[in-house]
C-alpha atoms as a PDB file:
ATOM      1  CA  MET A   1     143.744  95.219 147.855  1.00  0.00           C
ATOM      2  CA  ARG A   2     141.310  93.247 149.537  1.00  0.00           C
ATOM      3  CA  PHE A   3     139.430  96.647 150.639  1.00  0.00           C
ATOM      4  CA  GLN A   4     139.721  97.948 147.123  1.00  0.00           C
ATOM      5  CA  PHE A   5     138.331  94.829 145.710  1.00  0.00           C
ATOM      6  CA  ILE A   6     135.282  94.950 148.006  1.00  0.00           C
ATOM      7  CA  THR A   7     134.758  98.506 147.063  1.00  0.00           C
ATOM      8  CA  ASP A   8     134.552  97.549 143.119  1.00  0.00           C
ATOM      9  CA  TYR A   9     132.422  94.351 144.091  1.00  0.00           C
ATOM     10  CA  ARG A  10     129.269  94.407 142.282  1.00  0.00           C
ATOM     11  CA  GLY A  11     127.975  91.007 142.822  1.00  0.00           C
ATOM     12  CA  PHE A  12     125.024  89.875 144.735  1.00  0.00           C
ATOM     13  CA  LEU A  13     126.727  89.158 147.941  1.00  0.00           C
ATOM     14  CA  SER A  14     126.285  91.859 150.796  1.00  0.00           C
ATOM     15  CA  ARG A  15     129.234  93.754 152.143  1.00  0.00           C
ATOM     16  CA  SER A  16     128.891  92.415 155.474  1.00  0.00           C
ATOM     17  CA  ARG A  17     129.152  89.008 153.527  1.00  0.00           C
ATOM     18  CA  ILE A  18     131.876  89.919 151.345  1.00  0.00           C
ATOM     19  CA  CYS A  19     133.940  91.264 154.289  1.00  0.00           C
ATOM     20  CA  LEU A  20     133.309  87.837 156.176  1.00  0.00           C
ATOM     21  CA  LEU A  21     135.142  86.102 153.319  1.00  0.00           C
ATOM     22  CA  MET A  22     137.782  88.676 152.960  1.00  0.00           C
ATOM     23  CA  GLY A  23     138.654  88.260 156.525  1.00  0.00           C
ATOM     24  CA  VAL A  24     138.237  91.814 157.034  1.00  0.00           C
ATOM     25  CA  THR A  25     135.483  94.026 159.157  1.00  0.00           C
ATOM     26  CA  ASP A  26     133.018  96.510 157.871  1.00  0.00           C
ATOM     27  CA  ARG A  27     134.432  98.994 160.600  1.00  0.00           C
ATOM     28  CA  GLY A  28     137.903  98.632 158.986  1.00  0.00           C
ATOM     29  CA  LEU A  29     136.444  99.105 155.344  1.00  0.00           C
ATOM     30  CA  ARG A  30     134.653 102.421 156.620  1.00  0.00           C
ATOM     31  CA  ALA A  31     138.062 103.650 158.283  1.00  0.00           C
ATOM     32  CA  TRP A  32     140.245 102.717 154.874  1.00  0.00           C
ATOM     33  CA  LYS A  33     137.654 104.587 152.833  1.00  0.00           C
ATOM     34  CA  ARG A  34     138.164 108.041 155.095  1.00  0.00           C
ATOM     35  CA  ARG A  35     141.825 107.599 155.127  1.00  0.00           C
ATOM     36  CA  PRO A  36     143.480 110.184 152.599  1.00  0.00           C
ATOM     37  CA  PRO A  37     145.650 109.011 150.122  1.00  0.00           C
ATOM     38  CA  SER A  38     149.220 107.814 150.384  1.00  0.00           C
ATOM     39  CA  LEU A  39     151.972 109.612 149.297  1.00  0.00           C
ATOM     40  CA  ARG A  40     152.523 106.979 146.612  1.00  0.00           C
ATOM     41  CA  GLN A  41     148.705 107.336 145.819  1.00  0.00           C
ATOM     42  CA  ARG A  42     149.170 110.967 145.320  1.00  0.00           C
ATOM     43  CA  ARG A  43     151.903 110.757 142.920  1.00  0.00           C
ATOM     44  CA  ASP A  44     150.631 108.127 141.005  1.00  0.00           C
ATOM     45  CA  LEU A  45     147.321 110.682 140.254  1.00  0.00           C
ATOM     46  CA  ILE A  46     149.981 113.370 139.132  1.00  0.00           C
ATOM     47  CA  LEU A  47     151.479 110.366 137.011  1.00  0.00           C
ATOM     48  CA  LEU A  48     148.242 109.303 135.717  1.00  0.00           C
ATOM     49  CA  ALA A  49     147.368 112.976 134.860  1.00  0.00           C
ATOM     50  CA  HIS A  50     150.714 113.461 132.835  1.00  0.00           C
ATOM     51  CA  ILE A  51     149.862 110.082 131.024  1.00  0.00           C
ATOM     52  CA  ARG A  52     146.333 110.807 130.110  1.00  0.00           C
ATOM     53  CA  GLU A  53     147.864 114.454 128.706  1.00  0.00           C
ATOM     54  CA  GLN A  54     150.391 112.492 126.672  1.00  0.00           C
ATOM     55  CA  HIS A  55     147.809 110.041 125.472  1.00  0.00           C
ATOM     56  CA  ARG A  56     145.776 112.872 124.233  1.00  0.00           C
ATOM     57  CA  LEU A  57     148.813 114.637 122.501  1.00  0.00           C
ATOM     58  CA  CYS A  58     150.360 111.334 121.036  1.00  0.00           C
ATOM     59  CA  LEU A  59     146.919 110.692 119.240  1.00  0.00           C
ATOM     60  CA  GLY A  60     146.505 107.555 121.280  1.00  0.00           C
ATOM     61  CA  SER A  61     149.052 105.947 119.634  1.00  0.00           C
ATOM     62  CA  TYR A  62     151.793 105.261 122.519  1.00  0.00           C
ATOM     63  CA  GLY A  63     152.131 102.271 124.566  1.00  0.00           C
ATOM     64  CA  ARG A  64     154.046 101.560 127.232  1.00  0.00           C
ATOM     65  CA  PRO A  65     157.748 102.017 125.824  1.00  0.00           C
ATOM     66  CA  ARG A  66     156.935 105.252 124.441  1.00  0.00           C
ATOM     67  CA  MET A  67     154.780 106.292 127.084  1.00  0.00           C
ATOM     68  CA  THR A  68     157.688 106.067 129.468  1.00  0.00           C
ATOM     69  CA  GLU A  69     160.097 107.855 127.393  1.00  0.00           C
ATOM     70  CA  GLU A  70     157.619 110.493 126.699  1.00  0.00           C
ATOM     71  CA  LEU A  71     157.199 111.150 130.656  1.00  0.00           C
ATOM     72  CA  LYS A  72     161.121 110.743 131.024  1.00  0.00           C
ATOM     73  CA  ALA A  73     161.254 113.681 128.577  1.00  0.00           C
ATOM     74  CA  LEU A  74     159.572 115.793 130.911  1.00  0.00           C
ATOM     75  CA  GLY A  75     161.615 115.615 133.925  1.00  0.00           C
ATOM     76  CA  LEU A  76     159.711 112.681 135.245  1.00  0.00           C
ATOM     77  CA  GLN A  77     161.528 109.766 136.883  1.00  0.00           C
ATOM     78  CA  VAL A  78     159.524 106.623 136.172  1.00  0.00           C
ATOM     79  CA  GLY A  79     159.829 102.874 134.810  1.00  0.00           C
ATOM     80  CA  GLN A  80     157.872 101.384 132.472  1.00  0.00           C
ATOM     81  CA  ARG A  81     156.356  98.932 134.650  1.00  0.00           C
ATOM     82  CA  ARG A  82     154.737 101.694 137.003  1.00  0.00           C
ATOM     83  CA  VAL A  83     153.438 103.319 133.296  1.00  0.00           C
ATOM     84  CA  GLY A  84     151.999 100.241 132.270  1.00  0.00           C
ATOM     85  CA  ARG A  85     150.115  99.535 135.422  1.00  0.00           C
ATOM     86  CA  LEU A  86     148.556 103.066 135.667  1.00  0.00           C
ATOM     87  CA  MET A  87     147.761 102.492 132.104  1.00  0.00           C
ATOM     88  CA  ARG A  88     146.244  99.275 132.763  1.00  0.00           C
ATOM     89  CA  GLN A  89     144.168  99.950 135.486  1.00  0.00           C
ATOM     90  CA  ASN A  90     142.851 103.309 133.896  1.00  0.00           C
ATOM     91  CA  ASN A  91     141.977 101.537 130.598  1.00  0.00           C
ATOM     92  CA  ILE A  92     144.172 103.821 128.815  1.00  0.00           C
ATOM     93  CA  THR A  93     145.211 101.617 125.623  1.00  0.00           C
ATOM     94  CA  VAL A  94     146.434 102.051 122.515  1.00  0.00           C
ATOM     95  CA  VAL A  95     143.856 102.684 119.663  1.00  0.00           C
ATOM     96  CA  ARG A  96     144.284 100.324 116.684  1.00  0.00           C
ATOM     97  CA  THR A  97     141.905  99.112 114.113  1.00  0.00           C
ATOM     98  CA  ARG A  98     141.746  97.364 110.888  1.00  0.00           C
ATOM     99  CA  LYS A  99     144.843  95.774 108.997  1.00  0.00           C
ATOM    100  CA  PHE A 100     146.393  97.658 106.395  1.00  0.00           C
ATOM    101  CA  LYS A 101     146.012  97.285 102.443  1.00  0.00           C
ATOM    102  CA  ARG A 102     148.069  98.401  99.623  1.00  0.00           C
ATOM    103  CA  THR A 103     147.934  98.217  96.106  1.00  0.00           C
ATOM    104  CA  THR A 104     150.684  99.158  93.327  1.00  0.00           C
ATOM    105  CA  ASP A 105     150.439  99.306  89.591  1.00  0.00           C
ATOM    106  CA  SER A 106     153.247  97.648  88.217  1.00  0.00           C
ATOM    107  CA  ASN A 107     151.395  96.454  85.095  1.00  0.00           C
ATOM    108  CA  HIS A 108     153.284  98.978  82.500  1.00  0.00           C
ATOM    109  CA  THR A 109     155.646  98.948  80.121  1.00  0.00           C
ATOM    110  CA  PHE A 110     158.189 101.207  81.586  1.00  0.00           C
ATOM    111  CA  ASN A 111     161.869 100.019  82.178  1.00  0.00           C
ATOM    112  CA  ILE A 112     162.572  98.917  85.873  1.00  0.00           C
ATOM    113  CA  THR A 113     165.714  99.944  88.089  1.00  0.00           C
ATOM    114  CA  PRO A 114     167.477  97.378  89.994  1.00  0.00           C
ATOM    115  CA  ASN A 115     166.975  97.145  93.679  1.00  0.00           C
ATOM    116  CA  LEU A 116     169.915  99.081  95.493  1.00  0.00           C
ATOM    117  CA  LEU A 117     168.431  98.801  99.229  1.00  0.00           C
ATOM    118  CA  LYS A 118     168.310  95.100  99.316  1.00  0.00           C
ATOM    119  CA  GLN A 119     166.105  96.078 102.763  1.00  0.00           C
ATOM    120  CA  ASP A 120     169.108  97.860 104.126  1.00  0.00           C
ATOM    121  CA  PHE A 121     167.913 101.055 105.609  1.00  0.00           C
ATOM    122  CA  SER A 122     170.511 101.938 107.777  1.00  0.00           C
ATOM    123  CA  THR A 123     172.215 105.109 106.725  1.00  0.00           C
ATOM    124  CA  SER A 124     175.082 107.450 108.708  1.00  0.00           C
ATOM    125  CA  ALA A 125     173.700 110.919 107.787  1.00  0.00           C
ATOM    126  CA  THR A 126     170.682 112.281 106.130  1.00  0.00           C
ATOM    127  CA  ASN A 127     170.159 112.515 102.004  1.00  0.00           C
ATOM    128  CA  GLN A 128     171.932 109.173 101.514  1.00  0.00           C
ATOM    129  CA  LYS A 129     168.778 107.173 101.033  1.00  0.00           C
ATOM    130  CA  TRP A 130     164.826 108.373 100.529  1.00  0.00           C
ATOM    131  CA  ALA A 131     161.842 105.958 100.280  1.00  0.00           C
ATOM    132  CA  GLY A 132     158.689 106.786  98.599  1.00  0.00           C
ATOM    133  CA  ASP A 133     155.465 105.072  98.147  1.00  0.00           C
ATOM    134  CA  ILE A 134     151.445 106.134  97.703  1.00  0.00           C
ATOM    135  CA  THR A 135     148.492 105.153  99.677  1.00  0.00           C
ATOM    136  CA  TYR A 136     144.839 106.037  99.398  1.00  0.00           C
ATOM    137  CA  VAL A 137     141.888 107.368 101.627  1.00  0.00           C
ATOM    138  CA  TRP A 138     138.504 107.070 100.997  1.00  0.00           C
ATOM    139  CA  THR A 139     136.036 110.159 101.488  1.00  0.00           C
ATOM    140  CA  ARG A 140     132.435 110.837 100.729  1.00  0.00           C
ATOM    141  CA  GLU A 141     133.745 112.920  97.620  1.00  0.00           C
ATOM    142  CA  GLY A 142     135.684 109.745  96.433  1.00  0.00           C
ATOM    143  CA  TRP A 143     139.415 108.550  96.793  1.00  0.00           C
ATOM    144  CA  VAL A 144     142.478 110.754  97.988  1.00  0.00           C
ATOM    145  CA  TYR A 145     145.719 109.632  97.112  1.00  0.00           C
ATOM    146  CA  LEU A 146     149.070 110.637  98.846  1.00  0.00           C
ATOM    147  CA  ALA A 147     152.791 110.354  97.932  1.00  0.00           C
ATOM    148  CA  VAL A 148     155.556 110.746 100.594  1.00  0.00           C
ATOM    149  CA  ILE A 149     159.125 110.263 100.491  1.00  0.00           C
ATOM    150  CA  LEU A 150     160.754 109.484 103.933  1.00  0.00           C
ATOM    151  CA  ASP A 151     164.615 110.364 104.474  1.00  0.00           C
ATOM    152  CA  LEU A 152     165.946 106.692 105.886  1.00  0.00           C
ATOM    153  CA  TYR A 153     168.481 108.494 108.297  1.00  0.00           C
ATOM    154  CA  SER A 154     165.641 109.558 110.370  1.00  0.00           C
ATOM    155  CA  ARG A 155     162.194 108.756 108.902  1.00  0.00           C
ATOM    156  CA  ARG A 156     161.441 112.174 108.451  1.00  0.00           C
ATOM    157  CA  VAL A 157     158.756 112.886 105.974  1.00  0.00           C
ATOM    158  CA  ILE A 158     160.484 115.191 103.706  1.00  0.00           C
ATOM    159  CA  GLY A 159     158.169 115.374 101.030  1.00  0.00           C
ATOM    160  CA  TRP A 160     154.383 114.739 100.241  1.00  0.00           C
ATOM    161  CA  ALA A 161     151.360 115.310  97.871  1.00  0.00           C
ATOM    162  CA  ILE A 162     147.775 114.782  97.626  1.00  0.00           C
ATOM    163  CA  SER A 163     145.443 114.165  94.657  1.00  0.00           C
ATOM    164  CA  ASP A 164     142.024 113.192  93.804  1.00  0.00           C
ATOM    165  CA  ARG A 165     143.739 111.002  90.749  1.00  0.00           C
ATOM    166  CA  LEU A 166     146.457 108.554  90.823  1.00  0.00           C
ATOM    167  CA  LYS A 167     148.563 109.976  88.096  1.00  0.00           C
ATOM    168  CA  GLN A 168     152.182 110.495  87.542  1.00  0.00           C
ATOM    169  CA  ASP A 169     152.300 114.280  88.753  1.00  0.00           C
ATOM    170  CA  LEU A 170     151.191 113.018  92.207  1.00  0.00           C
ATOM    171  CA  ALA A 171     154.602 111.419  92.798  1.00  0.00           C
ATOM    172  CA  LEU A 172     156.151 114.109  90.790  1.00  0.00           C
ATOM    173  CA  ARG A 173     154.840 117.125  93.235  1.00  0.00           C
ATOM    174  CA  ALA A 174     156.069 114.822  96.293  1.00  0.00           C
ATOM    175  CA  LEU A 175     160.029 114.716  94.798  1.00  0.00           C
ATOM    176  CA  ASN A 176     160.272 118.146  93.871  1.00  0.00           C
ATOM    177  CA  MET A 177     159.169 119.201  97.587  1.00  0.00           C
ATOM    178  CA  ALA A 178     161.906 116.754  98.894  1.00  0.00           C
ATOM    179  CA  LEU A 179     164.273 118.443  96.460  1.00  0.00           C
ATOM    180  CA  ALA A 180     163.567 121.876  97.099  1.00  0.00           C
ATOM    181  CA  LEU A 181     163.653 121.064 100.942  1.00  0.00           C
ATOM    182  CA  ARG A 182     166.806 119.055 101.023  1.00  0.00           C
ATOM    183  CA  LYS A 183     168.857 119.995  97.930  1.00  0.00           C
ATOM    184  CA  PRO A 184     170.780 116.221  98.398  1.00  0.00           C
ATOM    185  CA  PRO A 185     174.110 115.610  96.855  1.00  0.00           C
ATOM    186  CA  PRO A 186     174.550 113.487  93.762  1.00  0.00           C
ATOM    187  CA  GLY A 187     174.479 109.710  94.791  1.00  0.00           C
ATOM    188  CA  CYS A 188     171.708 109.912  96.874  1.00  0.00           C
ATOM    189  CA  ILE A 189     169.409 106.798  96.198  1.00  0.00           C
ATOM    190  CA  GLN A 190     165.789 107.494  95.879  1.00  0.00           C
ATOM    191  CA  HIS A 191     163.719 104.054  96.171  1.00  0.00           C
ATOM    192  CA  THR A 192     160.441 103.370  95.236  1.00  0.00           C
ATOM    193  CA  ASP A 193     158.146 100.243  94.524  1.00  0.00           C
ATOM    194  CA  ARG A 194     157.605  99.504  90.429  1.00  0.00           C
ATOM    195  CA  GLY A 195     154.615 101.569  90.382  1.00  0.00           C
ATOM    196  CA  SER A 196     154.009 103.338  86.822  1.00  0.00           C
ATOM    197  CA  GLN A 197     154.171 106.840  88.499  1.00  0.00           C
ATOM    198  CA  TYR A 198     157.905 105.867  89.541  1.00  0.00           C
ATOM    199  CA  CYS A 199     159.061 104.178  86.306  1.00  0.00           C
ATOM    200  CA  ALA A 200     157.890 107.184  84.208  1.00  0.00           C
ATOM    201  CA  HIS A 201     159.536 108.845  82.111  1.00  0.00           C
ATOM    202  CA  ASP A 202     159.350 112.432  83.647  1.00  0.00           C
ATOM    203  CA  TYR A 203     159.771 110.836  87.142  1.00  0.00           C
ATOM    204  CA  GLN A 204     162.899 109.187  86.183  1.00  0.00           C
ATOM    205  CA  LYS A 205     164.505 112.319  84.078  1.00  0.00           C
ATOM    206  CA  LEU A 206     163.978 114.358  87.058  1.00  0.00           C
ATOM    207  CA  LEU A 207     165.773 111.794  89.522  1.00  0.00           C
ATOM    208  CA  ARG A 208     168.625 112.506  86.629  1.00  0.00           C
ATOM    209  CA  GLN A 209     168.619 115.812  86.619  1.00  0.00           C
ATOM    210  CA  HIS A 210     169.614 115.927  90.438  1.00  0.00           C
ATOM    211  CA  LYS A 211     171.924 112.799  90.157  1.00  0.00           C
ATOM    212  CA  LEU A 212     169.578 110.995  92.513  1.00  0.00           C
ATOM    213  CA  VAL A 213     170.034 107.176  92.101  1.00  0.00           C
ATOM    214  CA  PRO A 214     166.808 104.971  91.144  1.00  0.00           C
ATOM    215  CA  SER A 215     166.348 102.217  93.369  1.00  0.00           C
ATOM    216  CA  MET A 216     163.212  99.579  93.001  1.00  0.00           C
ATOM    217  CA  SER A 217     161.607  96.776  94.992  1.00  0.00           C
ATOM    218  CA  GLY A 218     161.245  93.465  93.836  1.00  0.00           C
ATOM    219  CA  LYS A 219     157.915  92.519  92.453  1.00  0.00           C
ATOM    220  CA  GLY A 220     155.138  92.071  94.817  1.00  0.00           C
ATOM    221  CA  ASN A 221     157.453  92.056  98.030  1.00  0.00           C
ATOM    222  CA  CYS A 222     156.241  94.914 100.329  1.00  0.00           C
ATOM    223  CA  PHE A 223     159.499  94.071 102.686  1.00  0.00           C
ATOM    224  CA  ASP A 224     161.468  95.926 100.491  1.00  0.00           C
ATOM    225  CA  ASN A 225     159.886  99.479 101.422  1.00  0.00           C
ATOM    226  CA  SER A 226     159.166  98.696 104.724  1.00  0.00           C
ATOM    227  CA  ALA A 227     159.741 101.722 106.158  1.00  0.00           C
ATOM    228  CA  VAL A 228     157.395 103.419 104.120  1.00  0.00           C
ATOM    229  CA  GLU A 229     154.827 100.964 104.762  1.00  0.00           C
ATOM    230  CA  SER A 230     155.494 101.327 108.496  1.00  0.00           C
ATOM    231  CA  PHE A 231     154.570 105.118 108.144  1.00  0.00           C
ATOM    232  CA  PHE A 232     151.308 104.233 106.442  1.00  0.00           C
ATOM    233  CA  LYS A 233     150.629 101.796 108.916  1.00  0.00           C
ATOM    234  CA  SER A 234     151.085 104.604 111.591  1.00  0.00           C
ATOM    235  CA  LEU A 235     148.948 107.134 109.429  1.00  0.00           C
ATOM    236  CA  LYS A 236     146.238 104.751 109.202  1.00  0.00           C
ATOM    237  CA  ALA A 237     145.880 103.524 112.579  1.00  0.00           C
ATOM    238  CA  GLU A 238     146.588 107.147 114.012  1.00  0.00           C
ATOM    239  CA  LEU A 239     144.453 109.141 112.050  1.00  0.00           C
ATOM    240  CA  VAL A 240     142.769 108.010 108.767  1.00  0.00           C
ATOM    241  CA  TRP A 241     140.513 105.152 110.308  1.00  0.00           C
ATOM    242  CA  ARG A 242     139.262 106.931 113.369  1.00  0.00           C
ATOM    243  CA  ARG A 243     137.057 108.713 111.701  1.00  0.00           C
ATOM    244  CA  ARG A 244     134.815 108.955 108.502  1.00  0.00           C
ATOM    245  CA  TRP A 245     136.123 111.896 105.825  1.00  0.00           C
ATOM    246  CA  GLN A 246     133.419 113.877 104.470  1.00  0.00           C
ATOM    247  CA  THR A 247     135.615 116.035 101.876  1.00  0.00           C
ATOM    248  CA  ARG A 248     139.319 115.273 100.113  1.00  0.00           C
ATOM    249  CA  ARG A 249     140.014 119.131 101.632  1.00  0.00           C
ATOM    250  CA  ASP A 250     139.652 117.365 105.389  1.00  0.00           C
ATOM    251  CA  VAL A 251     141.591 114.953 104.410  1.00  0.00           C
ATOM    252  CA  GLU A 252     144.331 117.537 103.524  1.00  0.00           C
ATOM    253  CA  VAL A 253     144.534 119.261 106.151  1.00  0.00           C
ATOM    254  CA  ALA A 254     144.481 116.357 108.465  1.00  0.00           C
ATOM    255  CA  ILE A 255     147.572 114.790 106.984  1.00  0.00           C
ATOM    256  CA  PHE A 256     149.310 118.237 107.080  1.00  0.00           C
ATOM    257  CA  GLU A 257     148.349 118.443 110.732  1.00  0.00           C
ATOM    258  CA  TYR A 258     149.421 115.147 111.317  1.00  0.00           C
ATOM    259  CA  ILE A 259     152.807 115.436 109.674  1.00  0.00           C
ATOM    260  CA  ASN A 260     154.387 118.722 110.343  1.00  0.00           C
ATOM    261  CA  GLY A 261     152.347 118.803 113.762  1.00  0.00           C
ATOM    262  CA  PHE A 262     152.740 115.468 115.329  1.00  0.00           C
ATOM    263  CA  TYR A 263     154.831 112.834 113.325  1.00  0.00           C
ATOM    264  CA  ASN A 264     157.968 114.845 112.164  1.00  0.00           C
ATOM    265  CA  PRO A 265     158.520 117.064 115.455  1.00  0.00           C
ATOM    266  CA  ARG A 266     157.160 114.508 118.080  1.00  0.00           C
ATOM    267  CA  ARG A 267     156.567 110.837 117.407  1.00  0.00           C
ATOM    268  CA  ARG A 268     158.924 108.723 118.994  1.00  0.00           C
ATOM    269  CA  HIS A 269     160.688 105.952 116.864  1.00  0.00           C
ATOM    270  CA  SER A 270     162.137 102.815 118.693  1.00  0.00           C
ATOM    271  CA  THR A 271     164.949 102.859 116.130  1.00  0.00           C
ATOM    272  CA  LEU A 272     165.674 106.328 116.409  1.00  0.00           C
ATOM    273  CA  GLY A 273     166.581 105.623 120.491  1.00  0.00           C
ATOM    274  CA  TRP A 274     162.757 106.787 121.468  1.00  0.00           C
ATOM    275  CA  LYS A 275     163.418 110.155 119.306  1.00  0.00           C
ATOM    276  CA  SER A 276     161.401 112.275 116.914  1.00  0.00           C
ATOM    277  CA  PRO A 277     162.512 112.661 113.552  1.00  0.00           C
ATOM    278  CA  VAL A 278     163.328 116.249 114.180  1.00  0.00           C
ATOM    279  CA  ALA A 279     165.079 115.749 117.438  1.00  0.00           C
ATOM    280  CA  PHE A 280     167.172 113.070 116.120  1.00  0.00           C
ATOM    281  CA  GLU A 281     168.699 115.151 113.137  1.00  0.00           C
ATOM    282  CA  LYS A 282     169.268 117.788 115.447  1.00  0.00           C
ATOM    283  CA  LYS A 283     171.071 115.851 117.490  1.00  0.00           C
ATOM    284  CA  ALA A 284     173.312 114.596 114.811  1.00  0.00           C
ATOM    285  CA  ALA A 285     173.597 117.867 113.571  1.00  0.00           C
END
């Protein structure tokens, strides 16, 4: 450790002076530099290469716990402390930026349905509870609006749609995708906020046609739909806030790749036992 400190030192003291202060000799320092890496150092270098690769593949979103689980899935026997040390020493950090902001247009005359979830997002199987919401992304061409639907059993995105207008058809297209993909049984709860897109007659009519049970968050309570809020925070921190978007098409392609190439098949969730949504559903099946 002393030799490494002297090697990294960039202060005003000469090398001979710092060696004297640290209680080592200049000859010993030269011998240490010529010494080949130890077995542990070589293994650390191999592990560091894996960490850098997984950091790239996970879009810089994994901290020590998720990174450790990812490495274990590759067959590497490693603990969180070692992973944390290597990440810290090599400045491999989780990329986070600004705080998340959301808006909901609840100033309408449509009927409001009761909150059936009451912040209970637990389920025992797929297609028991769904949750949906809408967020937005700024581009040089203007706003882009994204509607998604998650299956709360696995946190998997099962329906989504993008539009340049915040209209009722945006939420309807996301719901239609989820219905086509899952074909849920009668009684599946579809939870959303009180936005006009979800309270609209056409949306509620589609729910009734497929015997889904509507549920809505309390007024101004984002915790009632925190599962989808968490997804939006991950999407923005891991993708949206990292670049300036030129066109709406760029956003659409990037979100498609994020959902289908990373979030659903790869991203690990602590609530799922560090499995991805797709892997969690396969294990349950």
